Amino acid sequence: METLAYGDVTTRDELVEWSRDYCKRVRRERFVDVRFDTVEWEVSTRAKRRAAAVKRPKIPAAEVGTEIDWDAAEAAGGREAEGRPFPATMSLTWGAFETFDRAEWESVLRHELVHLEQYQRFGTTDHGSAFKSRADDLDADVHCPVFADPKYVLRCRDCAALVARRYRDCKLVSEADSYRSSCCGAALSVEQPG
């Protein structure tokens, strides 16, 4: 079977095929401990804030750093795992794929592989120190690049550092004066770019 070339991807199904093949290659070459038999794949055309995501059930007692016993694991709502990880969905964002070059897209996929590896090992995932270390091992960014223009940009009033981007009105935007930046402890300013 001939492998689909990155530059030939024009449909959602082709994006899933190329991305799945790439992730399997990374698993093999970089020793990423994931199993794909419990992973479903989808493409979102609506997402604007995330380039991709690993969607998985919440397991109340799970925490990164503590290996989960999939024979005893129970998801919120009482569903039992029955000896293997609950299915997770790798959700890819079409807009990000269209915006990013190949190297950026590959970094996004490696980032999501770290989430998938953590989820399958610990029952949950985060962007903490273990994630950062593993992302570094895989040459993946801890935070994926922005591919859509935010409706609001929040900055520190003292040093103008970027604090957050928001794509819709929310409490952080409407009550920005109630929040403080982590850099200077100053109030936040709200900008509406464009």
C-alpha atoms as a PDB file:
ATOM      1  CA  MET A   1       0.000   0.000   0.000  1.00  0.00           C
ATOM      2  CA  GLU A   2       1.339   3.400  -0.963  1.00  0.00           C
ATOM      3  CA  THR A   3       1.626   5.963   1.799  1.00  0.00           C
ATOM      4  CA  LEU A   4      -0.341   9.170   1.331  1.00  0.00           C
ATOM      5  CA  ALA A   5       1.941  12.198   0.919  1.00  0.00           C
ATOM      6  CA  TYR A   6       1.364  15.119   3.294  1.00  0.00           C
ATOM      7  CA  GLY A   7       0.982  17.558   0.390  1.00  0.00           C
ATOM      8  CA  ASP A   8      -1.737  15.371  -1.125  1.00  0.00           C
ATOM      9  CA  VAL A   9      -4.087  15.603   1.875  1.00  0.00           C
ATOM     10  CA  THR A  10      -7.295  17.307   0.711  1.00  0.00           C
ATOM     11  CA  THR A  11     -10.083  15.602   2.691  1.00  0.00           C
ATOM     12  CA  ARG A  12     -10.872  14.839   6.315  1.00  0.00           C
ATOM     13  CA  ASP A  13     -10.441  11.111   5.745  1.00  0.00           C
ATOM     14  CA  GLU A  14      -7.019  11.726   4.213  1.00  0.00           C
ATOM     15  CA  LEU A  15      -6.034  13.923   7.166  1.00  0.00           C
ATOM     16  CA  VAL A  16      -6.958  11.120   9.559  1.00  0.00           C
ATOM     17  CA  GLU A  17      -5.090   8.561   7.429  1.00  0.00           C
ATOM     18  CA  TRP A  18      -1.916  10.672   7.182  1.00  0.00           C
ATOM     19  CA  SER A  19      -1.991  11.686  10.865  1.00  0.00           C
ATOM     20  CA  ARG A  20      -2.632   8.136  12.073  1.00  0.00           C
ATOM     21  CA  ASP A  21       0.244   6.812   9.936  1.00  0.00           C
ATOM     22  CA  TYR A  22       2.539   9.555  11.233  1.00  0.00           C
ATOM     23  CA  CYS A  23       1.611   8.808  14.870  1.00  0.00           C
ATOM     24  CA  LYS A  24       2.246   5.091  14.374  1.00  0.00           C
ATOM     25  CA  ARG A  25       5.662   5.890  12.907  1.00  0.00           C
ATOM     26  CA  VAL A  26       6.506   8.149  15.872  1.00  0.00           C
ATOM     27  CA  ARG A  27       5.358   5.427  18.280  1.00  0.00           C
ATOM     28  CA  ARG A  28       7.711   2.960  16.603  1.00  0.00           C
ATOM     29  CA  GLU A  29      10.708   5.270  16.135  1.00  0.00           C
ATOM     30  CA  ARG A  30      10.485   7.255  19.370  1.00  0.00           C
ATOM     31  CA  PHE A  31       9.227   4.499  21.707  1.00  0.00           C
ATOM     32  CA  VAL A  32       5.929   6.145  22.622  1.00  0.00           C
ATOM     33  CA  ASP A  33       3.973   3.705  24.756  1.00  0.00           C
ATOM     34  CA  VAL A  34       0.489   3.965  23.251  1.00  0.00           C
ATOM     35  CA  ARG A  35      -1.973   1.510  21.815  1.00  0.00           C
ATOM     36  CA  PHE A  36      -4.103   2.623  18.896  1.00  0.00           C
ATOM     37  CA  ASP A  37      -6.757  -0.108  19.083  1.00  0.00           C
ATOM     38  CA  THR A  38      -8.623   2.009  21.657  1.00  0.00           C
ATOM     39  CA  VAL A  39      -8.238   5.301  19.739  1.00  0.00           C
ATOM     40  CA  GLU A  40     -10.909   6.742  17.488  1.00  0.00           C
ATOM     41  CA  TRP A  41     -10.120   9.574  15.079  1.00  0.00           C
ATOM     42  CA  GLU A  42     -12.186  12.573  14.011  1.00  0.00           C
ATOM     43  CA  VAL A  43     -11.728  15.919  12.288  1.00  0.00           C
ATOM     44  CA  SER A  44     -13.375  19.092  13.568  1.00  0.00           C
ATOM     45  CA  THR A  45     -14.112  21.976  11.233  1.00  0.00           C
ATOM     46  CA  ARG A  46     -15.537  24.125  14.060  1.00  0.00           C
ATOM     47  CA  ALA A  47     -12.724  24.218  16.641  1.00  0.00           C
ATOM     48  CA  LYS A  48     -10.829  27.508  16.795  1.00  0.00           C
ATOM     49  CA  ARG A  49      -8.826  27.330  20.025  1.00  0.00           C
ATOM     50  CA  ARG A  50      -7.191  23.933  19.753  1.00  0.00           C
ATOM     51  CA  ALA A  51      -5.189  22.404  16.959  1.00  0.00           C
ATOM     52  CA  ALA A  52      -6.032  18.909  18.174  1.00  0.00           C
ATOM     53  CA  ALA A  53      -7.197  17.202  21.340  1.00  0.00           C
ATOM     54  CA  VAL A  54      -7.339  13.823  23.005  1.00  0.00           C
ATOM     55  CA  LYS A  55     -10.894  13.428  24.237  1.00  0.00           C
ATOM     56  CA  ARG A  56     -11.270  10.850  26.962  1.00  0.00           C
ATOM     57  CA  PRO A  57     -13.593   9.985  29.822  1.00  0.00           C
ATOM     58  CA  LYS A  58     -12.956  11.510  33.216  1.00  0.00           C
ATOM     59  CA  ILE A  59     -11.702   9.058  35.797  1.00  0.00           C
ATOM     60  CA  PRO A  60     -12.224  10.765  39.179  1.00  0.00           C
ATOM     61  CA  ALA A  61      -9.338   9.175  41.110  1.00  0.00           C
ATOM     62  CA  ALA A  62      -6.768   9.399  38.309  1.00  0.00           C
ATOM     63  CA  GLU A  63      -3.691  11.609  38.591  1.00  0.00           C
ATOM     64  CA  VAL A  64      -0.579  11.989  36.484  1.00  0.00           C
ATOM     65  CA  GLY A  65       2.290  10.094  38.099  1.00  0.00           C
ATOM     66  CA  THR A  66       0.151   7.317  39.547  1.00  0.00           C
ATOM     67  CA  GLU A  67      -0.256   4.380  37.183  1.00  0.00           C
ATOM     68  CA  ILE A  68      -3.837   3.322  36.726  1.00  0.00           C
ATOM     69  CA  ASP A  69      -5.065  -0.231  37.118  1.00  0.00           C
ATOM     70  CA  TRP A  70      -7.346  -0.640  34.096  1.00  0.00           C
ATOM     71  CA  ASP A  71      -8.839  -3.785  35.696  1.00  0.00           C
ATOM     72  CA  ALA A  72     -10.217  -1.660  38.524  1.00  0.00           C
ATOM     73  CA  ALA A  73     -10.676   1.716  36.805  1.00  0.00           C
ATOM     74  CA  GLU A  74     -14.090   3.287  36.768  1.00  0.00           C
ATOM     75  CA  ALA A  75     -15.115   6.378  34.830  1.00  0.00           C
ATOM     76  CA  ALA A  76     -17.404   9.074  36.142  1.00  0.00           C
ATOM     77  CA  GLY A  77     -20.872   7.569  35.804  1.00  0.00           C
ATOM     78  CA  GLY A  78     -19.736   4.118  36.912  1.00  0.00           C
ATOM     79  CA  ARG A  79     -18.587   2.577  33.613  1.00  0.00           C
ATOM     80  CA  GLU A  80     -15.857  -0.044  34.188  1.00  0.00           C
ATOM     81  CA  ALA A  81     -12.736  -0.278  32.039  1.00  0.00           C
ATOM     82  CA  GLU A  82     -12.574  -4.090  31.886  1.00  0.00           C
ATOM     83  CA  GLY A  83      -8.785  -4.368  31.725  1.00  0.00           C
ATOM     84  CA  ARG A  84      -7.959  -1.866  29.007  1.00  0.00           C
ATOM     85  CA  PRO A  85      -8.088   1.914  28.603  1.00  0.00           C
ATOM     86  CA  PHE A  86     -11.437   3.427  27.822  1.00  0.00           C
ATOM     87  CA  PRO A  87     -11.562   4.553  24.191  1.00  0.00           C
ATOM     88  CA  ALA A  88     -10.095   7.983  23.537  1.00  0.00           C
ATOM     89  CA  THR A  89     -10.690  10.151  20.484  1.00  0.00           C
ATOM     90  CA  MET A  90      -7.912  11.976  18.691  1.00  0.00           C
ATOM     91  CA  SER A  91      -9.723  15.060  17.428  1.00  0.00           C
ATOM     92  CA  LEU A  92      -7.854  16.937  14.690  1.00  0.00           C
ATOM     93  CA  THR A  93      -8.756  20.491  13.689  1.00  0.00           C
ATOM     94  CA  TRP A  94      -9.000  21.094   9.956  1.00  0.00           C
ATOM     95  CA  GLY A  95      -8.320  24.843  10.268  1.00  0.00           C
ATOM     96  CA  ALA A  96      -5.066  24.198  12.128  1.00  0.00           C
ATOM     97  CA  PHE A  97      -3.968  21.647   9.528  1.00  0.00           C
ATOM     98  CA  GLU A  98      -4.679  24.164   6.751  1.00  0.00           C
ATOM     99  CA  THR A  99      -2.769  26.930   8.567  1.00  0.00           C
ATOM    100  CA  PHE A 100       0.297  25.046   9.794  1.00  0.00           C
ATOM    101  CA  ASP A 101       3.208  23.799   7.763  1.00  0.00           C
ATOM    102  CA  ARG A 102       4.155  20.143   7.971  1.00  0.00           C
ATOM    103  CA  ALA A 103       6.676  20.589  10.814  1.00  0.00           C
ATOM    104  CA  GLU A 104       4.104  22.464  12.937  1.00  0.00           C
ATOM    105  CA  TRP A 105       1.416  19.825  12.270  1.00  0.00           C
ATOM    106  CA  GLU A 106       3.813  17.022  13.167  1.00  0.00           C
ATOM    107  CA  SER A 107       4.668  18.821  16.427  1.00  0.00           C
ATOM    108  CA  VAL A 108       0.941  19.073  17.212  1.00  0.00           C
ATOM    109  CA  LEU A 109       0.561  15.327  16.668  1.00  0.00           C
ATOM    110  CA  ARG A 110       3.553  14.536  18.887  1.00  0.00           C
ATOM    111  CA  HIS A 111       2.048  16.827  21.560  1.00  0.00           C
ATOM    112  CA  GLU A 112      -1.195  14.852  21.387  1.00  0.00           C
ATOM    113  CA  LEU A 113       0.733  11.569  21.568  1.00  0.00           C
ATOM    114  CA  VAL A 114       2.121  12.719  24.926  1.00  0.00           C
ATOM    115  CA  HIS A 115      -1.461  13.297  26.120  1.00  0.00           C
ATOM    116  CA  LEU A 116      -2.501   9.891  24.813  1.00  0.00           C
ATOM    117  CA  GLU A 117       0.471   8.179  26.447  1.00  0.00           C
ATOM    118  CA  GLN A 118      -0.275   9.863  29.793  1.00  0.00           C
ATOM    119  CA  TYR A 119      -3.966   9.022  29.563  1.00  0.00           C
ATOM    120  CA  GLN A 120      -3.332   5.357  28.801  1.00  0.00           C
ATOM    121  CA  ARG A 121      -0.750   5.095  31.602  1.00  0.00           C
ATOM    122  CA  PHE A 122      -2.337   7.281  34.307  1.00  0.00           C
ATOM    123  CA  GLY A 123      -6.004   7.644  33.304  1.00  0.00           C
ATOM    124  CA  THR A 124      -5.616  11.408  32.924  1.00  0.00           C
ATOM    125  CA  THR A 125      -3.278  13.980  31.426  1.00  0.00           C
ATOM    126  CA  ASP A 126      -2.152  17.561  31.994  1.00  0.00           C
ATOM    127  CA  HIS A 127       0.555  20.037  30.921  1.00  0.00           C
ATOM    128  CA  GLY A 128       2.627  19.622  34.095  1.00  0.00           C
ATOM    129  CA  SER A 129       6.308  18.853  34.529  1.00  0.00           C
ATOM    130  CA  ALA A 130       6.034  15.214  33.391  1.00  0.00           C
ATOM    131  CA  PHE A 131       4.262  16.362  30.238  1.00  0.00           C
ATOM    132  CA  LYS A 132       6.904  19.010  29.579  1.00  0.00           C
ATOM    133  CA  SER A 133       9.706  16.499  29.993  1.00  0.00           C
ATOM    134  CA  ARG A 134       8.096  13.956  27.672  1.00  0.00           C
ATOM    135  CA  ALA A 135       7.183  16.630  25.099  1.00  0.00           C
ATOM    136  CA  ASP A 136      10.841  17.681  25.141  1.00  0.00           C
ATOM    137  CA  ASP A 137      11.855  14.045  24.490  1.00  0.00           C
ATOM    138  CA  LEU A 138       9.622  14.055  21.414  1.00  0.00           C
ATOM    139  CA  ASP A 139      10.559  17.553  20.189  1.00  0.00           C
ATOM    140  CA  ALA A 140       6.978  18.692  20.695  1.00  0.00           C
ATOM    141  CA  ASP A 141       5.854  22.102  21.864  1.00  0.00           C
ATOM    142  CA  VAL A 142       4.091  22.221  25.221  1.00  0.00           C
ATOM    143  CA  HIS A 143       1.591  24.702  23.796  1.00  0.00           C
ATOM    144  CA  CYS A 144       0.362  24.443  20.250  1.00  0.00           C
ATOM    145  CA  PRO A 145       0.643  27.499  18.010  1.00  0.00           C
ATOM    146  CA  VAL A 146      -2.366  29.754  17.499  1.00  0.00           C
ATOM    147  CA  PHE A 147      -4.113  29.335  14.151  1.00  0.00           C
ATOM    148  CA  ALA A 148      -7.233  31.486  14.561  1.00  0.00           C
ATOM    149  CA  ASP A 149      -7.534  35.138  15.508  1.00  0.00           C
ATOM    150  CA  PRO A 150      -8.931  35.630  19.015  1.00  0.00           C
ATOM    151  CA  LYS A 151     -11.814  37.987  19.683  1.00  0.00           C
ATOM    152  CA  TYR A 152     -10.045  39.245  22.838  1.00  0.00           C
ATOM    153  CA  VAL A 153      -6.427  39.463  23.973  1.00  0.00           C
ATOM    154  CA  LEU A 154      -5.699  39.949  27.668  1.00  0.00           C
ATOM    155  CA  ARG A 155      -2.412  41.511  28.737  1.00  0.00           C
ATOM    156  CA  CYS A 156      -0.675  42.486  31.952  1.00  0.00           C
ATOM    157  CA  ARG A 157      -1.215  46.225  32.536  1.00  0.00           C
ATOM    158  CA  ASP A 158       2.318  46.652  33.924  1.00  0.00           C
ATOM    159  CA  CYS A 159       4.516  44.889  31.382  1.00  0.00           C
ATOM    160  CA  ALA A 160       2.052  44.201  28.515  1.00  0.00           C
ATOM    161  CA  ALA A 161       2.852  40.458  28.552  1.00  0.00           C
ATOM    162  CA  LEU A 162       0.287  38.245  26.883  1.00  0.00           C
ATOM    163  CA  VAL A 163      -1.831  36.573  29.554  1.00  0.00           C
ATOM    164  CA  ALA A 164      -4.610  34.935  27.531  1.00  0.00           C
ATOM    165  CA  ARG A 165      -6.491  34.806  24.265  1.00  0.00           C
ATOM    166  CA  ARG A 166     -10.238  34.348  24.244  1.00  0.00           C
ATOM    167  CA  TYR A 167     -12.480  33.566  21.304  1.00  0.00           C
ATOM    168  CA  ARG A 168     -15.746  34.608  22.942  1.00  0.00           C
ATOM    169  CA  ASP A 169     -17.001  36.725  25.796  1.00  0.00           C
ATOM    170  CA  CYS A 170     -16.463  35.096  29.186  1.00  0.00           C
ATOM    171  CA  LYS A 171     -15.973  36.006  32.840  1.00  0.00           C
ATOM    172  CA  LEU A 172     -12.240  36.612  32.338  1.00  0.00           C
ATOM    173  CA  VAL A 173     -13.049  39.181  29.634  1.00  0.00           C
ATOM    174  CA  SER A 174     -16.002  40.859  31.337  1.00  0.00           C
ATOM    175  CA  GLU A 175     -14.324  40.964  34.771  1.00  0.00           C
ATOM    176  CA  ALA A 176     -10.684  41.419  33.756  1.00  0.00           C
ATOM    177  CA  ASP A 177     -10.092  43.927  36.589  1.00  0.00           C
ATOM    178  CA  SER A 178     -10.812  41.140  39.093  1.00  0.00           C
ATOM    179  CA  TYR A 179      -7.921  39.030  37.817  1.00  0.00           C
ATOM    180  CA  ARG A 180      -4.151  39.489  38.177  1.00  0.00           C
ATOM    181  CA  SER A 181      -1.298  38.553  35.879  1.00  0.00           C
ATOM    182  CA  SER A 182       1.150  35.916  37.071  1.00  0.00           C
ATOM    183  CA  CYS A 183       4.133  37.959  35.808  1.00  0.00           C
ATOM    184  CA  CYS A 184       3.605  41.218  37.759  1.00  0.00           C
ATOM    185  CA  GLY A 185       0.480  40.657  39.811  1.00  0.00           C
ATOM    186  CA  ALA A 186      -1.111  43.538  37.919  1.00  0.00           C
ATOM    187  CA  ALA A 187      -4.657  43.930  36.612  1.00  0.00           C
ATOM    188  CA  LEU A 188      -5.400  42.811  33.073  1.00  0.00           C
ATOM    189  CA  SER A 189      -6.232  44.917  30.052  1.00  0.00           C
ATOM    190  CA  VAL A 190      -8.538  43.650  27.312  1.00  0.00           C
ATOM    191  CA  GLU A 191      -7.855  44.315  23.645  1.00  0.00           C
ATOM    192  CA  GLN A 192     -10.054  43.515  20.670  1.00  0.00           C
ATOM    193  CA  PRO A 193      -7.654  42.977  17.762  1.00  0.00           C
ATOM    194  CA  GLY A 194      -8.701  43.695  14.209  1.00  0.00           C
END
